[in-house]
N, C-alpha and C. Protein backbone atom coordinates (compact mmCIF):
# COMPACT_ATOMS: atom_id res chain seq x y z
N MET A 1 26.23 -14.78 2.72
CA MET A 1 24.82 -14.49 2.54
C MET A 1 24.55 -13.04 2.81
N LEU A 2 23.92 -12.37 1.87
CA LEU A 2 23.55 -10.98 2.03
C LEU A 2 22.03 -10.81 2.05
N ILE A 3 21.57 -10.00 2.95
CA ILE A 3 20.13 -9.72 3.00
C ILE A 3 19.66 -9.14 1.66
N ALA A 4 20.48 -8.33 1.03
CA ALA A 4 20.11 -7.72 -0.25
C ALA A 4 19.80 -8.76 -1.33
N ASP A 5 20.33 -9.96 -1.21
CA ASP A 5 20.04 -11.00 -2.18
C ASP A 5 18.56 -11.38 -2.17
N TYR A 6 17.85 -11.09 -1.11
CA TYR A 6 16.45 -11.47 -0.95
C TYR A 6 15.50 -10.28 -0.84
N LEU A 7 16.05 -9.07 -0.94
CA LEU A 7 15.24 -7.87 -0.66
C LEU A 7 15.18 -6.94 -1.86
N HIS A 8 13.96 -6.52 -2.17
CA HIS A 8 13.71 -5.47 -3.16
C HIS A 8 13.52 -4.17 -2.43
N LYS A 9 14.01 -3.09 -2.98
CA LYS A 9 13.88 -1.79 -2.35
C LYS A 9 12.39 -1.45 -2.04
N ASN A 10 11.49 -1.85 -2.93
CA ASN A 10 10.08 -1.57 -2.73
C ASN A 10 9.48 -2.35 -1.57
N LEU A 11 10.25 -3.32 -1.04
CA LEU A 11 9.76 -4.13 0.08
C LEU A 11 10.37 -3.69 1.40
N VAL A 12 10.90 -2.48 1.43
CA VAL A 12 11.36 -1.85 2.66
C VAL A 12 10.32 -0.79 3.02
N LEU A 13 9.68 -0.99 4.16
CA LEU A 13 8.58 -0.14 4.57
C LEU A 13 8.97 0.68 5.82
N PRO A 14 9.31 1.94 5.64
CA PRO A 14 9.88 2.71 6.72
C PRO A 14 8.89 3.23 7.78
N ASP A 15 7.59 3.18 7.48
CA ASP A 15 6.60 3.78 8.41
C ASP A 15 5.31 2.96 8.44
N LEU A 16 5.37 1.81 9.12
CA LEU A 16 4.16 1.01 9.25
C LEU A 16 3.09 1.76 10.05
N ALA A 17 1.86 1.64 9.64
CA ALA A 17 0.76 2.33 10.35
C ALA A 17 0.10 1.40 11.36
N ALA A 18 0.30 0.11 11.23
CA ALA A 18 -0.37 -0.88 12.07
C ALA A 18 -0.07 -0.67 13.56
N VAL A 19 -1.05 -1.06 14.39
CA VAL A 19 -0.84 -1.05 15.85
C VAL A 19 -1.01 -2.45 16.45
N ALA A 20 -1.54 -3.39 15.67
CA ALA A 20 -1.76 -4.75 16.17
C ALA A 20 -1.11 -5.77 15.20
N LYS A 21 -0.87 -6.96 15.71
CA LYS A 21 -0.18 -8.00 14.98
C LYS A 21 -0.79 -8.29 13.62
N SER A 22 -2.09 -8.58 13.55
CA SER A 22 -2.70 -8.95 12.27
C SER A 22 -2.61 -7.81 11.25
N GLU A 23 -2.78 -6.58 11.75
CA GLU A 23 -2.64 -5.39 10.88
C GLU A 23 -1.21 -5.29 10.32
N ALA A 24 -0.23 -5.52 11.17
CA ALA A 24 1.17 -5.43 10.76
C ALA A 24 1.48 -6.49 9.69
N LEU A 25 1.02 -7.72 9.91
CA LEU A 25 1.27 -8.77 8.94
C LEU A 25 0.62 -8.45 7.60
N THR A 26 -0.60 -7.94 7.64
CA THR A 26 -1.31 -7.54 6.40
C THR A 26 -0.55 -6.43 5.70
N GLU A 27 -0.09 -5.47 6.45
CA GLU A 27 0.66 -4.34 5.87
C GLU A 27 2.00 -4.77 5.27
N LEU A 28 2.66 -5.73 5.91
CA LEU A 28 3.92 -6.24 5.41
C LEU A 28 3.75 -7.07 4.14
N VAL A 29 2.63 -7.79 4.05
CA VAL A 29 2.37 -8.63 2.87
C VAL A 29 1.89 -7.82 1.68
N GLU A 30 1.18 -6.76 1.91
CA GLU A 30 0.54 -5.96 0.86
C GLU A 30 1.45 -5.59 -0.30
N PRO A 31 2.68 -5.04 -0.06
CA PRO A 31 3.49 -4.62 -1.20
C PRO A 31 4.02 -5.76 -2.06
N LEU A 32 3.83 -7.00 -1.64
CA LEU A 32 4.28 -8.14 -2.44
C LEU A 32 3.50 -8.26 -3.75
N LYS A 33 2.29 -7.72 -3.80
CA LYS A 33 1.48 -7.87 -5.01
C LYS A 33 2.12 -7.15 -6.19
N SER A 34 2.87 -6.07 -5.93
CA SER A 34 3.49 -5.36 -7.05
C SER A 34 4.78 -6.04 -7.52
N GLU A 35 5.52 -6.63 -6.60
CA GLU A 35 6.79 -7.28 -6.94
C GLU A 35 6.62 -8.74 -7.39
N PHE A 36 5.57 -9.38 -6.85
CA PHE A 36 5.29 -10.79 -7.12
C PHE A 36 3.81 -10.98 -7.44
N PRO A 37 3.34 -10.53 -8.62
CA PRO A 37 1.92 -10.54 -8.91
C PRO A 37 1.26 -11.91 -8.90
N ASP A 38 2.04 -12.97 -9.07
CA ASP A 38 1.47 -14.32 -9.06
C ASP A 38 1.36 -14.91 -7.64
N LEU A 39 1.88 -14.24 -6.68
CA LEU A 39 1.86 -14.74 -5.30
C LEU A 39 0.46 -14.57 -4.70
N ASP A 40 -0.04 -15.61 -4.09
CA ASP A 40 -1.35 -15.58 -3.44
C ASP A 40 -1.19 -14.92 -2.07
N LEU A 41 -1.53 -13.66 -2.01
CA LEU A 41 -1.34 -12.88 -0.77
C LEU A 41 -2.22 -13.39 0.36
N THR A 42 -3.42 -13.82 0.06
CA THR A 42 -4.31 -14.38 1.06
C THR A 42 -3.69 -15.59 1.71
N ASN A 43 -3.13 -16.48 0.89
CA ASN A 43 -2.48 -17.67 1.41
C ASN A 43 -1.23 -17.29 2.22
N ALA A 44 -0.46 -16.35 1.73
CA ALA A 44 0.76 -15.94 2.44
C ALA A 44 0.40 -15.39 3.83
N LEU A 45 -0.64 -14.57 3.89
CA LEU A 45 -1.08 -14.02 5.17
C LEU A 45 -1.58 -15.11 6.09
N GLN A 46 -2.32 -16.07 5.54
CA GLN A 46 -2.81 -17.19 6.35
C GLN A 46 -1.67 -18.02 6.92
N VAL A 47 -0.67 -18.29 6.12
CA VAL A 47 0.50 -19.03 6.59
C VAL A 47 1.18 -18.31 7.74
N LEU A 48 1.32 -17.00 7.63
CA LEU A 48 1.95 -16.21 8.69
C LEU A 48 1.12 -16.22 9.96
N LEU A 49 -0.19 -16.05 9.81
CA LEU A 49 -1.07 -16.05 10.98
C LEU A 49 -1.07 -17.42 11.67
N GLU A 50 -1.04 -18.51 10.88
CA GLU A 50 -0.99 -19.84 11.45
C GLU A 50 0.32 -20.04 12.22
N ARG A 51 1.43 -19.51 11.67
CA ARG A 51 2.72 -19.64 12.34
C ARG A 51 2.66 -18.89 13.68
N GLU A 52 2.02 -17.75 13.70
CA GLU A 52 1.92 -16.97 14.93
C GLU A 52 1.10 -17.70 16.02
N GLN A 53 0.15 -18.53 15.58
CA GLN A 53 -0.64 -19.31 16.56
C GLN A 53 0.25 -20.36 17.25
N LEU A 54 1.30 -20.80 16.59
CA LEU A 54 2.20 -21.76 17.21
C LEU A 54 3.07 -21.12 18.28
N GLY A 55 3.28 -19.84 18.16
CA GLY A 55 4.11 -19.07 19.08
C GLY A 55 4.52 -17.78 18.43
N THR A 56 4.62 -16.75 19.19
CA THR A 56 4.94 -15.42 18.62
C THR A 56 6.31 -15.41 17.99
N THR A 57 6.44 -14.64 16.93
CA THR A 57 7.75 -14.41 16.31
C THR A 57 8.31 -13.04 16.76
N GLY A 58 7.64 -12.42 17.75
CA GLY A 58 8.17 -11.24 18.39
C GLY A 58 9.21 -11.68 19.39
N ILE A 59 10.49 -11.55 19.03
CA ILE A 59 11.56 -12.17 19.79
C ILE A 59 12.10 -11.29 20.93
N GLY A 60 11.62 -10.08 21.04
CA GLY A 60 12.08 -9.16 22.09
C GLY A 60 12.94 -8.06 21.53
N ASP A 61 13.25 -7.07 22.37
CA ASP A 61 14.05 -5.92 22.00
C ASP A 61 13.42 -5.16 20.84
N GLY A 62 12.10 -5.20 20.73
CA GLY A 62 11.41 -4.46 19.67
C GLY A 62 11.44 -5.14 18.32
N VAL A 63 11.84 -6.41 18.24
CA VAL A 63 12.05 -7.11 16.99
C VAL A 63 11.03 -8.23 16.79
N ALA A 64 10.52 -8.34 15.56
CA ALA A 64 9.67 -9.46 15.16
C ALA A 64 10.19 -10.01 13.84
N ILE A 65 10.21 -11.32 13.74
CA ILE A 65 10.68 -11.98 12.50
C ILE A 65 9.58 -12.97 12.06
N PRO A 66 8.42 -12.45 11.62
CA PRO A 66 7.38 -13.37 11.13
C PRO A 66 7.88 -14.11 9.92
N HIS A 67 7.52 -15.40 9.84
CA HIS A 67 8.04 -16.21 8.73
C HIS A 67 7.12 -17.39 8.47
N GLY A 68 7.25 -17.92 7.24
CA GLY A 68 6.46 -19.07 6.88
C GLY A 68 6.95 -19.64 5.55
N LYS A 69 6.49 -20.84 5.27
CA LYS A 69 6.84 -21.52 4.01
C LYS A 69 5.60 -21.60 3.13
N LEU A 70 5.79 -21.35 1.86
CA LEU A 70 4.68 -21.36 0.89
C LEU A 70 4.93 -22.40 -0.21
N VAL A 71 3.90 -23.16 -0.49
CA VAL A 71 3.93 -24.10 -1.62
C VAL A 71 3.96 -23.27 -2.91
N GLY A 72 4.80 -23.66 -3.83
CA GLY A 72 4.87 -22.98 -5.13
C GLY A 72 5.78 -21.78 -5.20
N LEU A 73 6.28 -21.35 -4.09
CA LEU A 73 7.23 -20.22 -4.09
C LEU A 73 8.57 -20.75 -4.56
N ASP A 74 9.27 -20.01 -5.43
CA ASP A 74 10.53 -20.52 -5.96
C ASP A 74 11.78 -19.83 -5.40
N ARG A 75 11.59 -18.89 -4.47
CA ARG A 75 12.74 -18.20 -3.88
C ARG A 75 12.35 -17.60 -2.54
N ILE A 76 13.30 -17.29 -1.74
CA ILE A 76 13.05 -16.63 -0.45
C ILE A 76 12.73 -15.16 -0.72
N ILE A 77 11.73 -14.67 -0.02
CA ILE A 77 11.31 -13.28 -0.12
C ILE A 77 11.41 -12.64 1.24
N LEU A 78 11.97 -11.44 1.29
CA LEU A 78 12.12 -10.72 2.53
C LEU A 78 11.40 -9.36 2.41
N VAL A 79 10.65 -9.03 3.44
CA VAL A 79 10.02 -7.71 3.55
C VAL A 79 10.48 -7.15 4.88
N VAL A 80 10.95 -5.90 4.88
CA VAL A 80 11.45 -5.25 6.08
C VAL A 80 10.55 -4.06 6.41
N GLY A 81 10.16 -3.94 7.64
CA GLY A 81 9.33 -2.84 8.04
C GLY A 81 9.77 -2.23 9.34
N ARG A 82 9.36 -0.97 9.52
CA ARG A 82 9.66 -0.24 10.76
C ARG A 82 8.41 0.48 11.21
N SER A 83 8.16 0.45 12.50
CA SER A 83 7.06 1.16 13.09
C SER A 83 7.62 2.16 14.10
N ARG A 84 7.30 3.40 13.91
CA ARG A 84 7.82 4.44 14.82
C ARG A 84 7.17 4.36 16.19
N ARG A 85 5.86 4.02 16.22
CA ARG A 85 5.16 3.99 17.52
C ARG A 85 5.09 2.62 18.16
N GLY A 86 5.37 1.58 17.42
CA GLY A 86 5.38 0.23 17.96
C GLY A 86 4.06 -0.50 17.68
N VAL A 87 4.17 -1.80 17.53
CA VAL A 87 3.04 -2.66 17.24
C VAL A 87 2.89 -3.67 18.37
N ARG A 88 1.68 -3.84 18.84
CA ARG A 88 1.37 -4.87 19.85
C ARG A 88 1.48 -6.23 19.12
N PHE A 89 2.57 -6.95 19.36
CA PHE A 89 2.86 -8.14 18.60
C PHE A 89 2.96 -9.40 19.49
N GLU A 90 2.54 -9.25 20.75
CA GLU A 90 2.63 -10.37 21.70
C GLU A 90 4.06 -10.87 21.84
N SER A 91 4.98 -9.92 21.85
CA SER A 91 6.40 -10.22 21.90
C SER A 91 6.77 -10.98 23.20
N LEU A 92 7.82 -11.75 23.14
CA LEU A 92 8.24 -12.54 24.30
C LEU A 92 8.53 -11.68 25.53
N ASP A 93 9.03 -10.44 25.31
CA ASP A 93 9.32 -9.57 26.44
C ASP A 93 8.15 -8.64 26.78
N GLY A 94 7.03 -8.81 26.07
CA GLY A 94 5.84 -8.01 26.38
C GLY A 94 5.86 -6.60 25.83
N LYS A 95 6.94 -6.23 25.16
CA LYS A 95 7.04 -4.86 24.62
C LYS A 95 6.57 -4.80 23.19
N THR A 96 6.29 -3.60 22.73
CA THR A 96 5.87 -3.47 21.32
C THR A 96 7.05 -3.69 20.41
N CYS A 97 6.72 -4.03 19.16
CA CYS A 97 7.79 -4.27 18.15
C CYS A 97 7.86 -3.07 17.21
N THR A 98 9.07 -2.72 16.86
CA THR A 98 9.32 -1.60 15.94
C THR A 98 10.10 -2.00 14.69
N ILE A 99 10.71 -3.16 14.76
CA ILE A 99 11.55 -3.66 13.64
C ILE A 99 10.97 -5.01 13.20
N PHE A 100 10.71 -5.11 11.89
CA PHE A 100 10.08 -6.32 11.34
C PHE A 100 10.90 -6.83 10.15
N PHE A 101 11.23 -8.10 10.19
CA PHE A 101 11.83 -8.77 9.06
C PHE A 101 10.91 -9.97 8.73
N LEU A 102 10.11 -9.86 7.70
CA LEU A 102 9.23 -10.90 7.29
C LEU A 102 9.92 -11.79 6.28
N VAL A 103 9.89 -13.12 6.48
CA VAL A 103 10.57 -14.06 5.60
C VAL A 103 9.57 -15.06 5.09
N LEU A 104 9.43 -15.16 3.77
CA LEU A 104 8.65 -16.20 3.12
C LEU A 104 9.60 -17.06 2.34
N ALA A 105 9.45 -18.38 2.50
CA ALA A 105 10.39 -19.28 1.85
C ALA A 105 9.65 -20.39 1.14
N PRO A 106 10.26 -20.95 0.10
CA PRO A 106 9.66 -22.14 -0.56
C PRO A 106 9.54 -23.27 0.45
N GLU A 107 8.53 -24.07 0.31
CA GLU A 107 8.30 -25.16 1.23
C GLU A 107 9.48 -26.12 1.30
N GLN A 108 10.16 -26.31 0.20
CA GLN A 108 11.27 -27.29 0.15
C GLN A 108 12.63 -26.68 0.51
N ALA A 109 12.68 -25.41 0.93
CA ALA A 109 13.97 -24.76 1.22
C ALA A 109 14.22 -24.63 2.70
N ALA A 110 14.06 -25.72 3.42
CA ALA A 110 14.17 -25.65 4.90
C ALA A 110 15.56 -25.16 5.34
N GLY A 111 16.61 -25.69 4.74
CA GLY A 111 17.96 -25.29 5.15
C GLY A 111 18.24 -23.83 4.95
N MET A 112 17.94 -23.32 3.78
CA MET A 112 18.16 -21.90 3.48
C MET A 112 17.26 -21.00 4.34
N HIS A 113 16.05 -21.43 4.54
CA HIS A 113 15.10 -20.72 5.39
C HIS A 113 15.66 -20.55 6.81
N LEU A 114 16.19 -21.62 7.36
CA LEU A 114 16.78 -21.54 8.71
C LEU A 114 18.03 -20.69 8.76
N ARG A 115 18.84 -20.77 7.71
CA ARG A 115 20.07 -19.94 7.66
C ARG A 115 19.76 -18.45 7.62
N ILE A 116 18.75 -18.08 6.82
CA ILE A 116 18.43 -16.65 6.74
C ILE A 116 17.79 -16.18 8.04
N LEU A 117 16.97 -17.00 8.68
CA LEU A 117 16.41 -16.62 9.98
C LEU A 117 17.51 -16.43 11.00
N ALA A 118 18.49 -17.33 11.03
CA ALA A 118 19.60 -17.23 11.96
C ALA A 118 20.43 -15.96 11.69
N HIS A 119 20.67 -15.67 10.41
CA HIS A 119 21.43 -14.48 10.01
C HIS A 119 20.72 -13.21 10.47
N ILE A 120 19.44 -13.15 10.24
CA ILE A 120 18.65 -11.98 10.65
C ILE A 120 18.65 -11.86 12.19
N SER A 121 18.43 -12.96 12.85
CA SER A 121 18.37 -12.94 14.31
C SER A 121 19.70 -12.46 14.89
N LYS A 122 20.81 -12.92 14.35
CA LYS A 122 22.14 -12.50 14.82
C LYS A 122 22.35 -11.01 14.58
N LEU A 123 21.96 -10.55 13.39
CA LEU A 123 22.10 -9.15 13.06
C LEU A 123 21.28 -8.27 14.02
N LEU A 124 20.06 -8.71 14.36
CA LEU A 124 19.19 -7.91 15.19
C LEU A 124 19.52 -7.94 16.66
N LYS A 125 20.43 -8.78 17.06
CA LYS A 125 20.91 -8.78 18.43
C LYS A 125 21.87 -7.62 18.69
N ASP A 126 22.39 -7.06 17.61
CA ASP A 126 23.34 -5.94 17.71
C ASP A 126 22.58 -4.64 17.99
N GLU A 127 22.75 -4.12 19.19
CA GLU A 127 22.04 -2.90 19.59
C GLU A 127 22.36 -1.72 18.68
N GLY A 128 23.63 -1.63 18.24
CA GLY A 128 24.01 -0.55 17.34
C GLY A 128 23.29 -0.62 16.02
N PHE A 129 23.14 -1.84 15.47
CA PHE A 129 22.38 -1.98 14.24
C PHE A 129 20.92 -1.57 14.45
N ARG A 130 20.31 -2.06 15.53
CA ARG A 130 18.91 -1.70 15.80
C ARG A 130 18.75 -0.17 15.90
N ARG A 131 19.66 0.48 16.54
CA ARG A 131 19.60 1.93 16.67
C ARG A 131 19.73 2.60 15.29
N SER A 132 20.69 2.14 14.48
CA SER A 132 20.87 2.69 13.15
C SER A 132 19.60 2.47 12.30
N PHE A 133 19.00 1.29 12.43
CA PHE A 133 17.78 0.96 11.70
C PHE A 133 16.67 1.94 12.07
N LEU A 134 16.50 2.17 13.36
CA LEU A 134 15.43 3.05 13.83
C LEU A 134 15.67 4.51 13.50
N GLU A 135 16.92 4.90 13.39
CA GLU A 135 17.26 6.30 13.10
C GLU A 135 17.36 6.64 11.62
N ALA A 136 17.38 5.63 10.77
CA ALA A 136 17.53 5.85 9.33
C ALA A 136 16.36 6.70 8.82
N GLU A 137 16.66 7.58 7.88
CA GLU A 137 15.65 8.44 7.29
C GLU A 137 15.06 7.84 6.03
N GLY A 138 13.83 7.40 6.09
CA GLY A 138 13.13 6.95 4.91
C GLY A 138 13.62 5.65 4.29
N ARG A 139 12.94 5.26 3.22
CA ARG A 139 13.21 4.00 2.53
C ARG A 139 14.63 3.93 1.97
N ASP A 140 15.10 5.00 1.35
CA ASP A 140 16.42 4.95 0.70
C ASP A 140 17.53 4.68 1.71
N GLU A 141 17.51 5.37 2.84
CA GLU A 141 18.54 5.20 3.85
C GLU A 141 18.44 3.82 4.50
N LEU A 142 17.23 3.37 4.73
CA LEU A 142 17.05 2.02 5.29
C LEU A 142 17.58 0.95 4.32
N TYR A 143 17.24 1.08 3.06
CA TYR A 143 17.69 0.12 2.05
C TYR A 143 19.23 0.12 1.96
N THR A 144 19.81 1.31 1.97
CA THR A 144 21.29 1.40 1.94
C THR A 144 21.90 0.70 3.12
N LEU A 145 21.31 0.87 4.30
CA LEU A 145 21.81 0.19 5.50
C LEU A 145 21.71 -1.33 5.34
N LEU A 146 20.62 -1.82 4.78
CA LEU A 146 20.36 -3.24 4.68
C LEU A 146 21.13 -3.94 3.56
N LYS A 147 21.39 -3.25 2.47
CA LYS A 147 21.93 -3.93 1.31
C LYS A 147 23.37 -4.39 1.47
N THR A 148 24.05 -3.93 2.50
CA THR A 148 25.45 -4.35 2.70
C THR A 148 25.56 -5.47 3.74
N LEU A 149 24.44 -5.90 4.29
CA LEU A 149 24.47 -6.91 5.37
C LEU A 149 24.32 -8.32 4.87
C-alpha cells in the first residue's frame, strides 16, 4: 500500500493558515472541490466534525489524522497538510498539531479505511519522518517525500 495511490499533488497543503480545529478541517477539505467537483464538501466537513465529537483525532506528537466515511464516495481520498505554527486541535497530549493526514473513505470500505489509517499512524510514529515532513520545502518536496511511502 502506497500513500501516493490515494494522494493528488494538489491535495498536499504545505502551509495551513488555520489556528483552530474547525478552521483546519475546513482548510483541508477546501481543495477537494477542484479534484472532486461532485463531492459534497459541506457533508464531508460535517462528517469530520461529527467524528471529532466522538473523540479527537489529534493523536499526539503534533499529528492529527481526521477521518470519516462518506456515502456515495467511490474511493479513498487523502489530503495532507502542514502547519508551521501549529493548530489547536484538542490533541491527546494537549500540544498543537502541525502534521495532518485527512482520510475520507467510502462508507462500505471499512477494511481498507482501517488499513490506511494504520499505515499512516505507523508512518507518523517515526520521528525521522516527522522531522523530514516538517523540514520539506513547499508542496513539491512534500509530495516527493510522500509518494514513495
